[in-house]
Amino acid sequence: MSTSNRRKFITTVAAVAAGTAVSSAKSFVPAADSKYPLIHHVFFWLKNPDSKEDLEKLIAGVKTLAGIETVRELRVGAVAKTEKREVVDQSWAVSEHIQFSDLAGQATYQTHPIHLAFVKNCSHLWEKVIVYDAMDI
């Protein structure tokens, strides 16, 4: 390969690699069209999983979190009766899916009196909690 062709080849490969890197980097920027990019998803396991009363109390408690001014959207869920598959965890009882505009809103939520009251009034109902926080990309 001549020196001229080698330079053209190296320049072309470098340009393609740079374009791919820029394209890949863009995929990790929060989505511009996302109104509420911070997702706070919590799963609760009840101490008494057979207690309908405890389930209802926990659901009612989670719903109070909608009163926090930085909560943009709140969804409360229970295990869906979908097909049992190895990758689907159906061991939990209640989930909360909250969306925030930003990290500051989520931080406000954590120390808000309504959230603190929820923990104080409902923590005796659950034996385990797992939280997944994610940013929309």
N, C-alpha and C. Protein backbone atom coordinates (compact mmCIF):
# COMPACT_ATOMS: atom_id res chain seq x y z
N MET A 1 0.85 -1.17 0.00
CA MET A 1 0.00 0.00 0.00
C MET A 1 0.89 1.23 0.00
N SER A 2 0.61 2.17 -0.88
CA SER A 2 1.43 3.37 -0.98
C SER A 2 1.16 4.25 0.23
N THR A 3 2.09 5.19 0.49
CA THR A 3 1.96 6.11 1.60
C THR A 3 0.69 6.94 1.48
N SER A 4 0.36 7.37 0.28
CA SER A 4 -0.84 8.18 0.05
C SER A 4 -2.10 7.38 0.38
N ASN A 5 -2.15 6.14 -0.10
CA ASN A 5 -3.32 5.30 0.18
C ASN A 5 -3.43 4.96 1.66
N ARG A 6 -2.28 4.74 2.30
CA ARG A 6 -2.27 4.43 3.73
C ARG A 6 -2.84 5.60 4.51
N ARG A 7 -2.44 6.84 4.16
CA ARG A 7 -2.95 8.04 4.85
C ARG A 7 -4.46 8.16 4.66
N LYS A 8 -4.93 7.93 3.40
CA LYS A 8 -6.37 8.00 3.14
C LYS A 8 -7.12 6.96 3.96
N PHE A 9 -6.56 5.76 4.02
CA PHE A 9 -7.19 4.69 4.78
C PHE A 9 -7.26 5.05 6.26
N ILE A 10 -6.16 5.50 6.83
CA ILE A 10 -6.10 5.86 8.25
C ILE A 10 -7.05 7.03 8.54
N THR A 11 -7.09 8.02 7.66
CA THR A 11 -7.98 9.17 7.83
C THR A 11 -9.44 8.72 7.80
N THR A 12 -9.77 7.83 6.86
CA THR A 12 -11.15 7.34 6.75
C THR A 12 -11.54 6.54 7.99
N VAL A 13 -10.69 5.65 8.45
CA VAL A 13 -10.97 4.84 9.64
C VAL A 13 -11.14 5.74 10.86
N ALA A 14 -10.27 6.74 11.01
CA ALA A 14 -10.35 7.66 12.14
C ALA A 14 -11.66 8.45 12.11
N ALA A 15 -12.08 8.89 10.93
CA ALA A 15 -13.33 9.66 10.80
C ALA A 15 -14.53 8.79 11.15
N VAL A 16 -14.54 7.56 10.69
CA VAL A 16 -15.65 6.64 10.99
C VAL A 16 -15.68 6.34 12.49
N ALA A 17 -14.52 6.09 13.08
CA ALA A 17 -14.45 5.80 14.51
C ALA A 17 -14.93 6.99 15.34
N ALA A 18 -14.53 8.19 14.96
CA ALA A 18 -14.96 9.40 15.67
C ALA A 18 -16.46 9.59 15.57
N GLY A 19 -17.01 9.35 14.39
CA GLY A 19 -18.46 9.47 14.20
C GLY A 19 -19.22 8.46 15.03
N THR A 20 -18.69 7.25 15.12
CA THR A 20 -19.33 6.20 15.92
C THR A 20 -19.26 6.57 17.40
N ALA A 21 -18.14 7.09 17.85
CA ALA A 21 -17.99 7.48 19.26
C ALA A 21 -18.96 8.60 19.61
N VAL A 22 -19.11 9.59 18.73
CA VAL A 22 -20.04 10.69 18.98
C VAL A 22 -21.46 10.16 19.00
N SER A 23 -21.79 9.27 18.07
CA SER A 23 -23.13 8.69 18.02
C SER A 23 -23.42 7.90 19.28
N SER A 24 -22.47 7.11 19.77
CA SER A 24 -22.66 6.32 20.98
C SER A 24 -22.79 7.22 22.19
N ALA A 25 -22.01 8.28 22.28
CA ALA A 25 -22.08 9.19 23.41
C ALA A 25 -23.44 9.86 23.48
N LYS A 26 -24.03 10.18 22.34
CA LYS A 26 -25.34 10.84 22.31
C LYS A 26 -26.41 9.95 22.91
N SER A 27 -26.27 8.64 22.80
CA SER A 27 -27.31 7.75 23.31
C SER A 27 -27.38 7.76 24.83
N PHE A 28 -26.39 8.29 25.52
CA PHE A 28 -26.39 8.33 26.98
C PHE A 28 -26.76 9.69 27.54
N VAL A 29 -27.12 10.62 26.70
CA VAL A 29 -27.59 11.93 27.15
C VAL A 29 -29.07 11.79 27.47
N PRO A 30 -29.53 12.38 28.60
CA PRO A 30 -30.96 12.27 28.91
C PRO A 30 -31.81 12.70 27.71
N ALA A 31 -32.86 11.96 27.47
CA ALA A 31 -33.73 12.22 26.34
C ALA A 31 -34.30 13.63 26.42
N ALA A 32 -34.15 14.39 25.35
CA ALA A 32 -34.62 15.78 25.32
C ALA A 32 -36.13 15.87 25.42
N ASP A 33 -36.83 14.84 24.96
CA ASP A 33 -38.28 14.87 24.99
C ASP A 33 -38.87 14.28 26.27
N SER A 34 -38.01 13.91 27.22
CA SER A 34 -38.49 13.34 28.47
C SER A 34 -38.85 14.46 29.44
N LYS A 35 -40.13 14.53 29.80
CA LYS A 35 -40.58 15.56 30.73
C LYS A 35 -40.02 15.32 32.13
N TYR A 36 -39.97 14.07 32.53
CA TYR A 36 -39.56 13.72 33.89
C TYR A 36 -38.53 12.60 33.84
N PRO A 37 -37.25 12.94 33.66
CA PRO A 37 -36.23 11.94 33.36
C PRO A 37 -35.75 11.07 34.52
N LEU A 38 -36.02 11.47 35.77
CA LEU A 38 -35.54 10.66 36.89
C LEU A 38 -36.65 9.72 37.33
N ILE A 39 -36.37 8.43 37.31
CA ILE A 39 -37.34 7.41 37.68
C ILE A 39 -36.90 6.75 38.99
N HIS A 40 -37.81 6.73 39.95
CA HIS A 40 -37.58 6.15 41.28
C HIS A 40 -38.57 5.00 41.40
N HIS A 41 -38.07 3.76 41.32
CA HIS A 41 -38.95 2.59 41.34
C HIS A 41 -38.62 1.79 42.59
N VAL A 42 -39.64 1.57 43.42
CA VAL A 42 -39.46 0.90 44.70
C VAL A 42 -40.35 -0.34 44.75
N PHE A 43 -39.78 -1.43 45.25
CA PHE A 43 -40.53 -2.67 45.42
C PHE A 43 -40.56 -3.03 46.90
N PHE A 44 -41.75 -3.39 47.39
CA PHE A 44 -41.96 -3.73 48.80
C PHE A 44 -42.40 -5.18 48.92
N TRP A 45 -41.84 -5.87 49.91
CA TRP A 45 -42.25 -7.21 50.29
C TRP A 45 -42.91 -7.09 51.65
N LEU A 46 -44.12 -7.57 51.79
CA LEU A 46 -44.85 -7.48 53.05
C LEU A 46 -44.34 -8.49 54.07
N LYS A 47 -44.37 -8.10 55.36
CA LYS A 47 -44.06 -9.04 56.43
C LYS A 47 -45.12 -10.13 56.48
N ASN A 48 -46.36 -9.74 56.25
CA ASN A 48 -47.48 -10.68 56.24
C ASN A 48 -48.08 -10.71 54.84
N PRO A 49 -47.47 -11.46 53.93
CA PRO A 49 -47.90 -11.43 52.53
C PRO A 49 -49.34 -11.88 52.30
N ASP A 50 -49.92 -12.60 53.23
CA ASP A 50 -51.30 -13.07 53.06
C ASP A 50 -52.33 -12.09 53.64
N SER A 51 -51.86 -10.99 54.24
CA SER A 51 -52.77 -10.03 54.86
C SER A 51 -53.26 -9.00 53.85
N LYS A 52 -54.54 -9.10 53.53
CA LYS A 52 -55.15 -8.12 52.61
C LYS A 52 -55.17 -6.73 53.25
N GLU A 53 -55.35 -6.70 54.56
CA GLU A 53 -55.38 -5.44 55.31
C GLU A 53 -54.02 -4.72 55.22
N ASP A 54 -52.93 -5.46 55.42
CA ASP A 54 -51.60 -4.86 55.32
C ASP A 54 -51.33 -4.37 53.90
N LEU A 55 -51.75 -5.15 52.92
CA LEU A 55 -51.58 -4.75 51.53
C LEU A 55 -52.30 -3.43 51.27
N GLU A 56 -53.54 -3.33 51.70
CA GLU A 56 -54.33 -2.11 51.49
C GLU A 56 -53.73 -0.90 52.22
N LYS A 57 -53.22 -1.12 53.44
CA LYS A 57 -52.57 -0.03 54.20
C LYS A 57 -51.33 0.47 53.47
N LEU A 58 -50.53 -0.46 52.95
CA LEU A 58 -49.31 -0.06 52.25
C LEU A 58 -49.65 0.70 50.97
N ILE A 59 -50.62 0.21 50.22
CA ILE A 59 -51.03 0.90 48.99
C ILE A 59 -51.52 2.31 49.32
N ALA A 60 -52.34 2.44 50.35
CA ALA A 60 -52.84 3.77 50.75
C ALA A 60 -51.68 4.67 51.17
N GLY A 61 -50.71 4.12 51.88
CA GLY A 61 -49.54 4.90 52.30
C GLY A 61 -48.72 5.38 51.12
N VAL A 62 -48.49 4.50 50.16
CA VAL A 62 -47.72 4.88 48.97
C VAL A 62 -48.44 6.01 48.23
N LYS A 63 -49.75 5.92 48.14
CA LYS A 63 -50.51 6.94 47.41
C LYS A 63 -50.39 8.33 48.04
N THR A 64 -50.09 8.41 49.34
CA THR A 64 -49.92 9.73 49.97
C THR A 64 -48.71 10.47 49.41
N LEU A 65 -47.76 9.74 48.84
CA LEU A 65 -46.54 10.35 48.31
C LEU A 65 -46.81 11.29 47.14
N ALA A 66 -47.98 11.14 46.52
CA ALA A 66 -48.36 12.03 45.42
C ALA A 66 -48.51 13.47 45.91
N GLY A 67 -48.66 13.67 47.20
CA GLY A 67 -48.80 15.01 47.77
C GLY A 67 -47.49 15.80 47.86
N ILE A 68 -46.39 15.17 47.53
CA ILE A 68 -45.09 15.86 47.56
C ILE A 68 -44.94 16.65 46.27
N GLU A 69 -44.66 17.94 46.40
CA GLU A 69 -44.67 18.84 45.24
C GLU A 69 -43.68 18.49 44.14
N THR A 70 -42.61 17.77 44.45
CA THR A 70 -41.64 17.43 43.40
C THR A 70 -41.97 16.11 42.69
N VAL A 71 -42.97 15.39 43.18
CA VAL A 71 -43.41 14.16 42.51
C VAL A 71 -44.22 14.57 41.29
N ARG A 72 -43.72 14.22 40.11
CA ARG A 72 -44.39 14.60 38.86
C ARG A 72 -45.43 13.57 38.44
N GLU A 73 -45.09 12.29 38.61
CA GLU A 73 -46.03 11.22 38.31
C GLU A 73 -45.80 10.11 39.33
N LEU A 74 -46.89 9.52 39.78
CA LEU A 74 -46.82 8.40 40.73
C LEU A 74 -47.71 7.29 40.22
N ARG A 75 -47.15 6.10 40.15
CA ARG A 75 -47.92 4.90 39.81
C ARG A 75 -47.70 3.90 40.94
N VAL A 76 -48.78 3.27 41.36
CA VAL A 76 -48.71 2.25 42.40
C VAL A 76 -49.11 0.94 41.74
N GLY A 77 -48.34 -0.10 41.98
CA GLY A 77 -48.62 -1.36 41.32
C GLY A 77 -48.62 -2.54 42.26
N ALA A 78 -49.25 -3.61 41.79
CA ALA A 78 -49.22 -4.91 42.44
C ALA A 78 -48.79 -5.92 41.38
N VAL A 79 -48.38 -7.07 41.83
CA VAL A 79 -47.87 -8.08 40.91
C VAL A 79 -48.92 -8.43 39.86
N ALA A 80 -48.53 -8.37 38.61
CA ALA A 80 -49.42 -8.72 37.50
C ALA A 80 -49.47 -10.25 37.36
N LYS A 81 -50.57 -10.73 36.94
CA LYS A 81 -50.75 -12.17 36.74
C LYS A 81 -50.30 -12.58 35.34
N THR A 82 -49.05 -12.21 35.02
CA THR A 82 -48.49 -12.55 33.71
C THR A 82 -47.89 -13.95 33.75
N GLU A 83 -47.49 -14.40 32.59
CA GLU A 83 -46.87 -15.72 32.45
C GLU A 83 -45.66 -15.83 33.37
N LYS A 84 -45.56 -16.95 34.07
CA LYS A 84 -44.40 -17.18 34.93
C LYS A 84 -43.22 -17.60 34.05
N ARG A 85 -42.16 -16.80 34.17
CA ARG A 85 -40.92 -17.09 33.44
C ARG A 85 -39.76 -16.92 34.40
N GLU A 86 -38.66 -17.53 34.10
CA GLU A 86 -37.48 -17.49 34.96
C GLU A 86 -37.01 -16.06 35.22
N VAL A 87 -37.17 -15.17 34.27
CA VAL A 87 -36.65 -13.80 34.40
C VAL A 87 -37.63 -12.84 35.08
N VAL A 88 -38.83 -13.30 35.42
CA VAL A 88 -39.84 -12.43 36.02
C VAL A 88 -39.90 -12.70 37.52
N ASP A 89 -39.68 -11.64 38.31
CA ASP A 89 -39.75 -11.73 39.77
C ASP A 89 -41.15 -11.34 40.21
N GLN A 90 -41.87 -12.28 40.78
CA GLN A 90 -43.22 -12.01 41.27
C GLN A 90 -43.30 -12.18 42.78
N SER A 91 -42.16 -12.02 43.45
CA SER A 91 -42.12 -12.25 44.89
C SER A 91 -42.50 -11.03 45.73
N TRP A 92 -42.55 -9.86 45.14
CA TRP A 92 -42.87 -8.62 45.86
C TRP A 92 -44.39 -8.43 45.92
N ALA A 93 -44.84 -7.42 46.68
CA ALA A 93 -46.28 -7.20 46.85
C ALA A 93 -46.76 -5.89 46.24
N VAL A 94 -46.01 -4.80 46.48
CA VAL A 94 -46.43 -3.47 46.03
C VAL A 94 -45.22 -2.78 45.41
N SER A 95 -45.48 -2.00 44.36
CA SER A 95 -44.40 -1.18 43.79
C SER A 95 -44.87 0.26 43.68
N GLU A 96 -43.91 1.14 43.76
CA GLU A 96 -44.19 2.55 43.48
C GLU A 96 -43.24 2.98 42.38
N HIS A 97 -43.77 3.69 41.42
CA HIS A 97 -42.99 4.21 40.30
C HIS A 97 -43.21 5.72 40.30
N ILE A 98 -42.18 6.46 40.67
CA ILE A 98 -42.29 7.91 40.76
C ILE A 98 -41.34 8.54 39.76
N GLN A 99 -41.81 9.59 39.09
CA GLN A 99 -40.96 10.33 38.17
C GLN A 99 -40.75 11.74 38.70
N PHE A 100 -39.50 12.20 38.58
CA PHE A 100 -39.09 13.52 39.01
C PHE A 100 -38.48 14.28 37.84
N SER A 101 -38.52 15.60 37.93
CA SER A 101 -37.91 16.43 36.88
C SER A 101 -36.39 16.38 36.92
N ASP A 102 -35.84 16.18 38.12
CA ASP A 102 -34.39 16.24 38.27
C ASP A 102 -33.96 15.63 39.60
N LEU A 103 -32.64 15.57 39.81
CA LEU A 103 -32.09 15.02 41.05
C LEU A 103 -32.49 15.84 42.27
N ALA A 104 -32.59 17.15 42.11
CA ALA A 104 -32.98 18.01 43.23
C ALA A 104 -34.39 17.66 43.71
N GLY A 105 -35.28 17.38 42.77
CA GLY A 105 -36.64 17.00 43.13
C GLY A 105 -36.69 15.69 43.89
N GLN A 106 -35.85 14.76 43.51
CA GLN A 106 -35.80 13.47 44.20
C GLN A 106 -35.20 13.66 45.59
N ALA A 107 -34.21 14.53 45.73
CA ALA A 107 -33.61 14.81 47.03
C ALA A 107 -34.64 15.46 47.97
N THR A 108 -35.45 16.37 47.44
CA THR A 108 -36.50 16.99 48.23
C THR A 108 -37.48 15.93 48.73
N TYR A 109 -37.84 15.02 47.86
CA TYR A 109 -38.76 13.93 48.19
C TYR A 109 -38.24 13.11 49.37
N GLN A 110 -36.95 12.79 49.36
CA GLN A 110 -36.38 11.93 50.40
C GLN A 110 -36.54 12.50 51.80
N THR A 111 -36.46 13.81 51.94
CA THR A 111 -36.53 14.44 53.26
C THR A 111 -37.86 15.14 53.52
N HIS A 112 -38.80 15.00 52.61
CA HIS A 112 -40.10 15.67 52.74
C HIS A 112 -40.90 15.05 53.89
N PRO A 113 -41.62 15.89 54.66
CA PRO A 113 -42.42 15.37 55.78
C PRO A 113 -43.43 14.28 55.37
N ILE A 114 -44.00 14.36 54.19
CA ILE A 114 -44.95 13.32 53.76
C ILE A 114 -44.22 11.99 53.57
N HIS A 115 -43.03 12.02 52.99
CA HIS A 115 -42.26 10.79 52.80
C HIS A 115 -41.82 10.23 54.15
N LEU A 116 -41.36 11.10 55.03
CA LEU A 116 -40.92 10.65 56.36
C LEU A 116 -42.09 10.05 57.14
N ALA A 117 -43.28 10.65 57.02
CA ALA A 117 -44.48 10.11 57.68
C ALA A 117 -44.85 8.75 57.11
N PHE A 118 -44.72 8.61 55.79
CA PHE A 118 -45.00 7.32 55.15
C PHE A 118 -44.09 6.24 55.72
N VAL A 119 -42.80 6.53 55.81
CA VAL A 119 -41.85 5.54 56.34
C VAL A 119 -42.20 5.21 57.79
N LYS A 120 -42.48 6.25 58.59
CA LYS A 120 -42.81 6.04 60.00
C LYS A 120 -44.09 5.21 60.16
N ASN A 121 -45.10 5.50 59.37
CA ASN A 121 -46.40 4.86 59.52
C ASN A 121 -46.54 3.50 58.83
N CYS A 122 -45.69 3.24 57.86
CA CYS A 122 -45.85 2.01 57.07
C CYS A 122 -44.69 1.03 57.15
N SER A 123 -43.55 1.43 57.68
CA SER A 123 -42.38 0.54 57.64
C SER A 123 -42.60 -0.75 58.41
N HIS A 124 -43.51 -0.75 59.36
CA HIS A 124 -43.80 -1.99 60.09
C HIS A 124 -44.50 -3.02 59.21
N LEU A 125 -44.99 -2.60 58.06
CA LEU A 125 -45.72 -3.50 57.16
C LEU A 125 -44.79 -4.32 56.25
N TRP A 126 -43.60 -3.80 55.98
CA TRP A 126 -42.73 -4.50 55.03
C TRP A 126 -41.53 -5.14 55.70
N GLU A 127 -41.07 -6.22 55.06
CA GLU A 127 -39.86 -6.88 55.55
C GLU A 127 -38.66 -6.56 54.67
N LYS A 128 -38.92 -6.12 53.45
CA LYS A 128 -37.83 -5.84 52.52
C LYS A 128 -38.28 -4.76 51.54
N VAL A 129 -37.34 -3.89 51.18
CA VAL A 129 -37.57 -2.84 50.19
C VAL A 129 -36.35 -2.80 49.28
N ILE A 130 -36.60 -2.70 47.99
CA ILE A 130 -35.51 -2.50 47.03
C ILE A 130 -35.86 -1.29 46.18
N VAL A 131 -34.88 -0.41 45.99
CA VAL A 131 -35.07 0.81 45.21
C VAL A 131 -34.19 0.77 43.98
N TYR A 132 -34.78 1.13 42.84
CA TYR A 132 -34.03 1.29 41.59
C TYR A 132 -34.26 2.73 41.11
N ASP A 133 -33.19 3.51 41.07
CA ASP A 133 -33.25 4.87 40.54
C ASP A 133 -32.56 4.87 39.18
N ALA A 134 -33.20 5.48 38.20
CA ALA A 134 -32.65 5.51 36.84
C ALA A 134 -32.92 6.85 36.19
N MET A 135 -32.04 7.22 35.26
CA MET A 135 -32.22 8.41 34.46
C MET A 135 -32.63 7.97 33.05
N ASP A 136 -33.63 8.62 32.53
CA ASP A 136 -34.11 8.36 31.17
C ASP A 136 -32.99 8.72 30.19
N ILE A 137 -32.72 7.85 29.22
CA ILE A 137 -31.66 8.14 28.23
C ILE A 137 -32.21 8.07 26.83
